[in-house]
Amino acid sequence: MSQTRVAPAGARDAHAVCRLGDRGAAVFDLRVALTSTGDAEAAGARPDQSIDPLVFDLPVQQAVRAFQQRRGLVADGVVGPETARALAAARWRLGDRILAHIPGHLLHGDDVADLQSRLLGLGLGPDRVDAVFGPRTEAAVRDFQRGIGLPGDGIVGPDTLRGLAGLRRAVRGGNPHALRERETLRRAGRSLVGRTILLDPGHGGPDLGCVANGVVEADLVLDLARRVEGRLLAQGVDVLFSRIHGDGGDETVRSALANDLAADLVISLHCDAAAQAQASGIATYYYGTDRFGAWSVVGEHLADLIQRELVARTGMIDCRSHARSWTLLQRTEMPAVRVEVGHVSNPTDAARLSDPALRDVMAEAIVVAIQRLYLGDEDSVRTGVFRLAELRSFMADLAG
């Protein structure tokens, strides 16, 4: 039975969008932030006597793009909520401040990510590098402190930092988080029965997402999610939703919902849009950034499976799978994938997405890809040929 739950509406990110041509104190603060990350100097965006430091000019745009590229964000040169959060995180280095778990006001930053990476390298938790000092990070710090003879208070101060500096990495032979993810997947077994999957139809409420060529993103992806839900239910999956009719909150709220419900996977559904009408095709995204070795290997594999199944079944343009550090992908404790099912700004994509039959094909592709994730080494069937009825028979043969 489906347990359809909706996230409480969360406050939207307060950061205003800042782009080329803007001026004001916010641009000056942006220049300061980009200087601290080293991107401003490389792009010639540092304020001097011949430049108005309050103007968002081309060098600032280039610096923003350089920063976005390094952080696994869309390199559009626009400072939106995701870029603003990343800039705020980048200001902190491990040792700059005392770190502790503060319920309701979780600390977030590169210093936390560095701490998590070091703890994982020592064979301790948390389960992943998400740059958020939550209860699992606190528990890992307590374990570390007790292991070196310090009081296990979970607070990262000077003594704990000195202890970290004096120890070497204990986990060898690969990324610790990747090893844990692979082992968790292996132990999960091959069947989908009893799994919990959170479907996240993007946007909602007053936020319609991309609107073009008669297609409203928020409505279309909700319809697609319903079609995925029906097929997952038939496989014995417990399906949860981040939203149904209203606003599911921002990505921080949606990732917290997934964590609270202990979902096994998160599938976030979106449409894309571009200034150029000829841009088209399907793309998938997973959590990955070279910073601190943060990478979801299971998320990457699932994104690739979904991408290949969708492209093979629909014949749409293959825009491939990409690593990103977007909030929903980063802050979920389980593998999460974002699927951009087409460009509503492209007339051909929009016309095809408007066809319910295509959305049925997409829903089947997504569900088959999820099942193939759990098959592991047993998955030897060519992409795009499985049908759900055949998949059930295949699983029965494996069980027999």
Protein backbone atom coordinates (compact mmCIF):
# COMPACT_ATOMS: atom_id res chain seq x y z
CA MET A 1 0.00 0.00 0.00
CA SER A 2 1.31 3.43 -0.89
CA GLN A 3 2.13 5.71 2.02
CA THR A 4 1.79 9.05 0.30
CA ARG A 5 3.23 11.74 2.54
CA VAL A 6 3.84 15.37 1.85
CA ALA A 7 6.63 17.47 3.25
CA PRO A 8 5.62 20.50 5.31
CA ALA A 9 6.05 23.72 3.40
CA GLY A 10 9.48 25.15 4.16
CA ALA A 11 10.73 28.67 3.89
CA ARG A 12 12.24 29.52 0.53
CA ASP A 13 15.93 30.40 0.45
CA ALA A 14 16.32 34.06 1.26
CA HIS A 15 19.25 34.66 -1.11
CA ALA A 16 18.27 36.94 -3.97
CA VAL A 17 19.49 36.14 -7.46
CA CYS A 18 22.50 38.22 -8.45
CA ARG A 19 23.57 38.43 -12.08
CA LEU A 20 25.49 40.39 -14.71
CA GLY A 21 24.62 44.12 -14.61
CA ASP A 22 23.44 44.20 -10.98
CA ARG A 23 24.95 46.67 -8.58
CA GLY A 24 24.92 47.25 -4.84
CA ALA A 25 26.36 46.06 -1.54
CA ALA A 26 25.47 42.43 -2.36
CA VAL A 27 27.87 42.57 -5.34
CA PHE A 28 30.65 43.90 -3.12
CA ASP A 29 30.06 41.02 -0.67
CA LEU A 30 30.13 38.64 -3.63
CA ARG A 31 33.50 40.02 -4.73
CA VAL A 32 34.86 39.51 -1.21
CA ALA A 33 33.60 35.92 -1.15
CA LEU A 34 35.11 35.16 -4.56
CA THR A 35 38.40 36.69 -3.45
CA SER A 36 38.50 34.37 -0.42
CA THR A 37 37.98 31.32 -2.67
CA GLY A 38 40.71 32.45 -5.09
CA ASP A 39 38.34 32.72 -8.05
CA ALA A 40 38.19 36.52 -8.19
CA GLU A 41 41.92 37.05 -8.66
CA ALA A 42 42.13 34.43 -11.39
CA ALA A 43 39.31 36.16 -13.29
CA GLY A 44 40.46 39.71 -12.61
CA ALA A 45 37.41 40.44 -10.49
CA ARG A 46 39.12 41.87 -7.42
CA PRO A 47 38.08 45.47 -6.85
CA ASP A 48 40.71 48.15 -7.47
CA GLN A 49 40.70 51.91 -8.06
CA SER A 50 39.70 51.56 -11.72
CA ILE A 51 36.74 49.21 -11.11
CA ASP A 52 33.45 49.96 -9.41
CA PRO A 53 33.34 47.28 -6.68
CA LEU A 54 29.54 47.52 -6.51
CA VAL A 55 29.01 46.42 -10.13
CA PHE A 56 28.50 42.81 -11.26
CA ASP A 57 30.68 42.99 -14.39
CA LEU A 58 32.09 40.39 -16.78
CA PRO A 59 35.11 39.50 -14.59
CA VAL A 60 32.74 38.82 -11.69
CA GLN A 61 30.61 36.63 -13.93
CA GLN A 62 33.71 34.71 -15.03
CA ALA A 63 34.76 34.28 -11.39
CA VAL A 64 31.31 32.98 -10.47
CA ARG A 65 31.42 30.49 -13.34
CA ALA A 66 34.87 29.29 -12.26
CA PHE A 67 33.61 28.79 -8.71
CA GLN A 68 30.49 26.96 -9.91
CA GLN A 69 32.53 24.68 -12.13
CA ARG A 70 34.79 23.68 -9.25
CA ARG A 71 31.86 23.04 -6.91
CA GLY A 72 29.79 20.85 -9.21
CA LEU A 73 27.13 23.49 -9.88
CA VAL A 74 25.62 24.68 -13.14
CA ALA A 75 28.21 27.15 -14.47
CA ASP A 76 25.77 29.85 -15.61
CA GLY A 77 27.47 32.81 -13.92
CA VAL A 78 24.31 33.62 -11.94
CA VAL A 79 24.34 33.60 -8.14
CA GLY A 80 21.13 31.80 -7.23
CA PRO A 81 20.30 29.93 -4.00
CA GLU A 82 22.56 26.92 -4.69
CA THR A 83 25.59 29.08 -5.54
CA ALA A 84 24.94 31.36 -2.57
CA ARG A 85 24.88 28.36 -0.22
CA ALA A 86 28.08 27.01 -1.76
CA LEU A 87 29.83 30.38 -1.34
CA ALA A 88 28.74 30.51 2.30
CA ALA A 89 30.11 27.00 2.85
CA ALA A 90 33.42 27.78 1.14
CA ARG A 91 34.33 30.49 3.63
CA TRP A 92 35.09 27.98 6.42
CA ARG A 93 38.29 25.95 6.89
CA LEU A 94 38.66 23.27 9.54
CA GLY A 95 39.82 25.03 12.70
CA ASP A 96 38.19 28.38 11.91
CA ARG A 97 35.36 27.77 14.38
CA ILE A 98 34.15 25.35 17.03
CA LEU A 99 31.99 22.63 15.50
CA ALA A 100 29.07 21.04 17.32
CA HIS A 101 25.66 19.56 16.64
CA ILE A 102 23.05 22.30 17.17
CA PRO A 103 19.53 20.92 16.55
CA GLY A 104 17.47 23.33 14.50
CA HIS A 105 20.57 25.22 13.40
CA LEU A 106 22.93 22.69 11.82
CA LEU A 107 26.38 24.00 10.95
CA HIS A 108 27.24 23.70 7.27
CA GLY A 109 30.52 24.36 5.52
CA ASP A 110 33.73 23.09 4.00
CA ASP A 111 35.19 22.67 7.49
CA VAL A 112 32.44 20.15 8.29
CA ALA A 113 33.08 18.33 4.99
CA ASP A 114 36.80 18.16 5.78
CA LEU A 115 36.04 16.79 9.24
CA GLN A 116 33.68 14.14 7.82
CA SER A 117 36.23 13.10 5.22
CA ARG A 118 38.89 12.62 7.90
CA LEU A 119 36.55 10.63 10.14
CA LEU A 120 35.57 8.38 7.24
CA GLY A 121 39.24 7.85 6.44
CA LEU A 122 39.69 6.62 9.99
CA GLY A 123 36.92 4.07 9.57
CA LEU A 124 34.36 6.03 11.56
CA GLY A 125 31.02 7.51 10.51
CA PRO A 126 29.15 9.49 9.30
CA ASP A 127 27.89 7.57 6.29
CA ARG A 128 28.78 10.28 3.77
CA VAL A 129 30.40 13.66 3.29
CA ASP A 130 27.45 16.07 3.14
CA ALA A 131 29.10 19.08 4.86
CA VAL A 132 26.34 19.21 7.50
CA PHE A 133 27.14 18.66 11.20
CA GLY A 134 24.20 16.46 12.11
CA PRO A 135 23.69 13.74 14.75
CA ARG A 136 25.66 11.08 12.83
CA THR A 137 28.68 13.36 12.56
CA GLU A 138 28.40 14.15 16.25
CA ALA A 139 28.30 10.41 17.07
CA ALA A 140 31.41 9.83 14.93
CA VAL A 141 33.22 12.67 16.71
CA ARG A 142 32.30 11.17 20.10
CA ASP A 143 33.67 7.79 19.01
CA PHE A 144 36.88 9.41 17.82
CA GLN A 145 37.30 11.43 21.01
CA ARG A 146 36.83 8.39 23.25
CA GLY A 147 39.27 6.44 21.08
CA ILE A 148 42.09 8.94 21.74
CA GLY A 149 41.30 9.48 25.42
CA LEU A 150 39.36 12.74 25.21
CA PRO A 151 35.95 13.39 26.80
CA GLY A 152 33.31 12.26 24.30
CA ASP A 153 31.38 15.52 24.16
CA GLY A 154 30.99 15.61 20.34
CA ILE A 155 32.39 19.14 20.15
CA VAL A 156 35.28 19.76 17.77
CA GLY A 157 37.59 22.15 19.55
CA PRO A 158 41.39 22.57 19.71
CA ASP A 159 42.09 19.24 21.47
CA THR A 160 40.02 17.24 19.00
CA LEU A 161 41.61 19.03 16.05
CA ARG A 162 45.09 18.23 17.39
CA GLY A 163 44.04 14.61 17.73
CA LEU A 164 42.85 14.51 14.14
CA ALA A 165 46.06 16.08 12.89
CA GLY A 166 48.12 13.40 14.61
CA LEU A 167 46.37 10.38 13.09
CA ARG A 168 46.63 8.81 9.66
CA ARG A 169 43.96 7.45 7.40
CA ALA A 170 42.96 3.88 8.38
CA VAL A 171 40.73 2.90 5.44
CA ARG A 172 42.71 1.90 2.36
CA GLY A 173 41.86 0.68 -1.10
CA GLY A 174 39.21 3.23 -2.06
CA ASN A 175 36.85 5.92 -0.91
CA PRO A 176 35.34 4.87 2.46
CA HIS A 177 31.89 6.20 1.59
CA ALA A 178 31.95 4.39 -1.76
CA LEU A 179 32.88 1.15 -0.03
CA ARG A 180 30.00 1.53 2.43
CA GLU A 181 27.48 2.35 -0.29
CA ARG A 182 28.48 -0.66 -2.35
CA GLU A 183 28.31 -2.97 0.66
CA THR A 184 24.89 -1.62 1.69
CA LEU A 185 23.59 -2.25 -1.82
CA ARG A 186 25.06 -5.75 -1.91
CA ARG A 187 23.43 -6.69 1.38
CA ALA A 188 20.06 -5.31 0.30
CA GLY A 189 19.38 -8.24 -2.01
CA ARG A 190 17.87 -8.24 -5.50
CA SER A 191 14.15 -7.84 -4.85
CA LEU A 192 12.33 -4.50 -4.73
CA VAL A 193 9.72 -5.86 -2.30
CA GLY A 194 9.67 -3.87 0.92
CA ARG A 195 11.92 -1.07 -0.30
CA THR A 196 11.05 2.56 0.40
CA ILE A 197 11.48 5.01 -2.47
CA LEU A 198 10.80 8.73 -2.22
CA LEU A 199 9.54 10.31 -5.44
CA ASP A 200 10.26 14.03 -5.59
CA PRO A 201 8.23 15.85 -8.28
CA GLY A 202 10.08 19.15 -8.62
CA HIS A 203 8.64 22.55 -7.71
CA GLY A 204 4.95 22.77 -6.73
CA GLY A 205 2.53 25.28 -5.27
CA PRO A 206 3.21 28.78 -6.59
CA ASP A 207 6.52 27.55 -8.04
CA LEU A 208 5.54 26.15 -11.45
CA GLY A 209 9.10 25.45 -12.57
CA CYS A 210 9.78 25.77 -16.30
CA VAL A 211 6.77 26.83 -18.36
CA ALA A 212 6.99 26.82 -22.16
CA ASN A 213 5.21 25.47 -25.23
CA GLY A 214 2.09 24.72 -23.22
CA VAL A 215 3.96 22.54 -20.68
CA VAL A 216 4.07 23.33 -16.95
CA GLU A 217 6.96 21.49 -15.34
CA ALA A 218 5.41 21.11 -11.87
CA ASP A 219 2.25 19.50 -13.29
CA LEU A 220 4.04 17.26 -15.78
CA VAL A 221 6.54 15.78 -13.32
CA LEU A 222 3.79 15.15 -10.76
CA ASP A 223 1.88 13.18 -13.40
CA LEU A 224 5.05 11.26 -14.28
CA ALA A 225 5.66 10.53 -10.60
CA ARG A 226 2.16 9.06 -10.31
CA ARG A 227 2.90 6.76 -13.24
CA VAL A 228 6.17 5.67 -11.64
CA GLU A 229 4.33 5.13 -8.36
CA GLY A 230 1.81 2.72 -9.91
CA ARG A 231 4.55 0.57 -11.37
CA LEU A 232 6.61 0.57 -8.18
CA LEU A 233 3.59 -0.47 -6.14
CA ALA A 234 3.17 -3.47 -8.43
CA GLN A 235 6.74 -4.47 -7.51
CA GLY A 236 5.98 -4.30 -3.78
CA VAL A 237 7.67 -0.96 -3.14
CA ASP A 238 6.53 1.46 -0.43
CA VAL A 239 6.21 4.76 -2.34
CA LEU A 240 6.49 8.15 -0.64
CA PHE A 241 6.06 11.62 -2.16
CA SER A 242 7.77 14.89 -1.28
CA ARG A 243 4.63 16.71 -2.44
CA ILE A 244 1.26 16.02 -4.03
CA HIS A 245 -0.60 19.23 -4.79
CA GLY A 246 1.10 21.97 -2.82
CA ASP A 247 4.62 23.19 -2.17
CA GLY A 248 7.01 20.52 -0.92
CA GLY A 249 9.48 23.10 0.35
CA ASP A 250 12.99 23.80 -0.85
CA GLU A 251 15.61 21.11 -1.37
CA THR A 252 16.78 21.32 2.24
CA VAL A 253 13.27 20.45 3.41
CA ARG A 254 12.87 17.66 0.85
CA SER A 255 16.21 16.06 1.71
CA ALA A 256 15.35 16.21 5.44
CA LEU A 257 12.04 14.47 4.67
CA ALA A 258 13.85 11.67 2.83
CA ASN A 259 16.25 11.24 5.76
CA ASP A 260 13.46 11.28 8.36
CA LEU A 261 11.54 8.60 6.43
CA ALA A 262 14.70 6.50 5.95
CA ALA A 263 14.08 6.03 2.24
CA ASP A 264 16.29 3.61 0.32
CA LEU A 265 16.42 5.82 -2.79
CA VAL A 266 15.29 9.27 -3.89
CA ILE A 267 14.20 9.94 -7.48
CA SER A 268 13.74 13.66 -8.21
CA LEU A 269 11.85 14.43 -11.42
CA HIS A 270 12.28 17.68 -13.37
CA CYS A 271 12.16 19.23 -16.83
CA ASP A 272 14.83 21.52 -18.20
CA ALA A 273 14.70 24.75 -20.24
CA ALA A 274 17.26 26.78 -22.14
CA ALA A 275 17.48 30.16 -23.80
CA GLN A 276 18.21 28.38 -27.07
CA ALA A 277 15.11 26.58 -28.33
CA GLN A 278 17.21 23.95 -30.10
CA ALA A 279 18.54 22.59 -26.79
CA SER A 280 16.86 19.26 -26.11
CA GLY A 281 17.25 15.87 -24.51
CA ILE A 282 17.38 13.92 -21.26
CA ALA A 283 20.00 14.20 -18.50
CA THR A 284 20.48 12.64 -15.07
CA TYR A 285 22.45 13.88 -12.06
CA TYR A 286 23.94 12.31 -8.94
CA TYR A 287 25.94 13.57 -5.96
CA GLY A 288 29.58 14.01 -6.75
CA THR A 289 32.32 16.53 -6.18
CA ASP A 290 36.09 16.09 -6.07
CA ARG A 291 36.24 18.09 -2.86
CA PHE A 292 37.01 15.78 0.08
CA GLY A 293 36.34 12.69 -2.06
CA ALA A 294 32.58 13.14 -1.82
CA TRP A 295 30.96 10.85 -4.35
CA SER A 296 27.87 8.61 -4.45
CA VAL A 297 28.93 5.57 -6.48
CA VAL A 298 25.49 3.96 -6.19
CA GLY A 299 23.84 7.24 -7.18
CA GLU A 300 26.15 7.46 -10.18
CA HIS A 301 25.30 3.88 -11.21
CA LEU A 302 21.55 4.46 -10.83
CA ALA A 303 21.73 7.74 -12.77
CA ASP A 304 23.54 5.94 -15.59
CA LEU A 305 20.98 3.11 -15.61
CA ILE A 306 18.03 5.53 -15.73
CA GLN A 307 19.72 7.61 -18.42
CA ARG A 308 20.38 4.62 -20.65
CA GLU A 309 16.91 3.14 -20.21
CA LEU A 310 15.18 6.46 -20.95
CA VAL A 311 17.27 7.22 -24.03
CA ALA A 312 16.94 3.70 -25.43
CA ARG A 313 13.16 3.63 -25.00
CA THR A 314 12.29 7.18 -26.06
CA GLY A 315 14.91 7.92 -28.69
CA MET A 316 15.42 11.38 -27.19
CA ILE A 317 18.81 13.13 -27.20
CA ASP A 318 21.31 11.70 -24.70
CA CYS A 319 22.61 14.57 -22.55
CA ARG A 320 24.35 12.01 -20.31
CA SER A 321 24.80 11.72 -16.54
CA HIS A 322 26.66 14.33 -14.50
CA ALA A 323 27.97 14.81 -10.97
CA ARG A 324 26.49 17.75 -9.09
CA SER A 325 26.58 19.05 -5.52
CA TRP A 326 22.99 20.33 -5.47
CA THR A 327 21.40 20.34 -2.03
CA LEU A 328 18.96 17.46 -2.56
CA LEU A 329 21.71 15.21 -3.91
CA GLN A 330 24.22 16.23 -1.26
CA ARG A 331 22.13 16.18 1.90
CA THR A 332 20.21 12.95 1.44
CA GLU A 333 21.70 10.08 3.42
CA MET A 334 20.71 7.61 0.72
CA PRO A 335 21.53 7.58 -3.03
CA ALA A 336 19.55 10.26 -4.86
CA VAL A 337 19.18 10.92 -8.57
CA ARG A 338 17.71 13.92 -10.36
CA VAL A 339 16.17 13.18 -13.76
CA GLU A 340 15.62 15.96 -16.31
CA VAL A 341 13.19 14.26 -18.69
CA GLY A 342 13.43 16.81 -21.51
CA HIS A 343 13.51 20.51 -22.41
CA VAL A 344 10.11 22.17 -22.33
CA SER A 345 11.72 25.11 -24.17
CA ASN A 346 12.23 22.82 -27.16
CA PRO A 347 9.01 22.46 -29.21
CA THR A 348 9.72 18.83 -30.12
CA ASP A 349 10.54 17.77 -26.56
CA ALA A 350 7.52 19.65 -25.25
CA ALA A 351 5.17 17.98 -27.74
CA ARG A 352 6.50 14.55 -26.87
CA LEU A 353 6.33 15.17 -23.11
CA SER A 354 2.70 16.25 -23.52
CA ASP A 355 1.85 12.74 -24.74
CA PRO A 356 0.70 10.48 -21.85
CA ALA A 357 1.96 7.45 -23.77
CA LEU A 358 5.53 8.78 -23.65
CA ARG A 359 5.23 9.40 -19.91
CA ASP A 360 4.16 5.76 -19.51
CA VAL A 361 7.28 4.70 -21.40
CA MET A 362 9.42 6.93 -19.17
CA ALA A 363 7.82 5.58 -16.00
CA GLU A 364 8.55 2.00 -17.06
CA ALA A 365 12.14 2.92 -17.93
CA ILE A 366 12.73 4.43 -14.49
CA VAL A 367 11.28 1.43 -12.65
CA VAL A 368 13.26 -1.07 -14.74
CA ALA A 369 16.44 0.93 -14.06
CA ILE A 370 15.75 0.83 -10.31
CA GLN A 371 15.32 -2.95 -10.42
CA ARG A 372 18.50 -3.35 -12.46
CA LEU A 373 20.40 -1.44 -9.77
CA TYR A 374 19.63 -4.20 -7.28
CA LEU A 375 20.37 -7.04 -9.70
CA GLY A 376 24.07 -6.22 -9.60
CA ASP A 377 26.14 -8.92 -11.27
CA GLU A 378 22.95 -10.77 -12.25
CA ASP A 379 22.07 -7.95 -14.67
CA SER A 380 23.07 -9.20 -18.10
CA VAL A 381 20.14 -8.00 -20.23
CA ARG A 382 20.57 -5.34 -22.89
CA THR A 383 19.34 -1.85 -22.11
CA GLY A 384 15.85 -0.96 -23.28
CA VAL A 385 14.48 -4.47 -23.79
CA PHE A 386 13.05 -5.37 -20.39
CA ARG A 387 9.29 -4.96 -19.86
CA LEU A 388 7.89 -5.02 -16.34
CA ALA A 389 6.00 -8.28 -16.87
CA GLU A 390 9.18 -9.88 -18.20
CA LEU A 391 11.15 -8.41 -15.32
CA ARG A 392 8.85 -10.09 -12.78
CA SER A 393 9.33 -13.41 -14.58
CA PHE A 394 13.10 -12.87 -14.67
CA MET A 395 13.15 -12.17 -10.91
CA ALA A 396 11.06 -15.31 -10.26
CA ASP A 397 13.56 -17.41 -12.24
CA LEU A 398 16.45 -15.94 -10.23
CA ALA A 399 14.63 -16.71 -6.97
CA GLY A 400 13.98 -20.28 -8.16
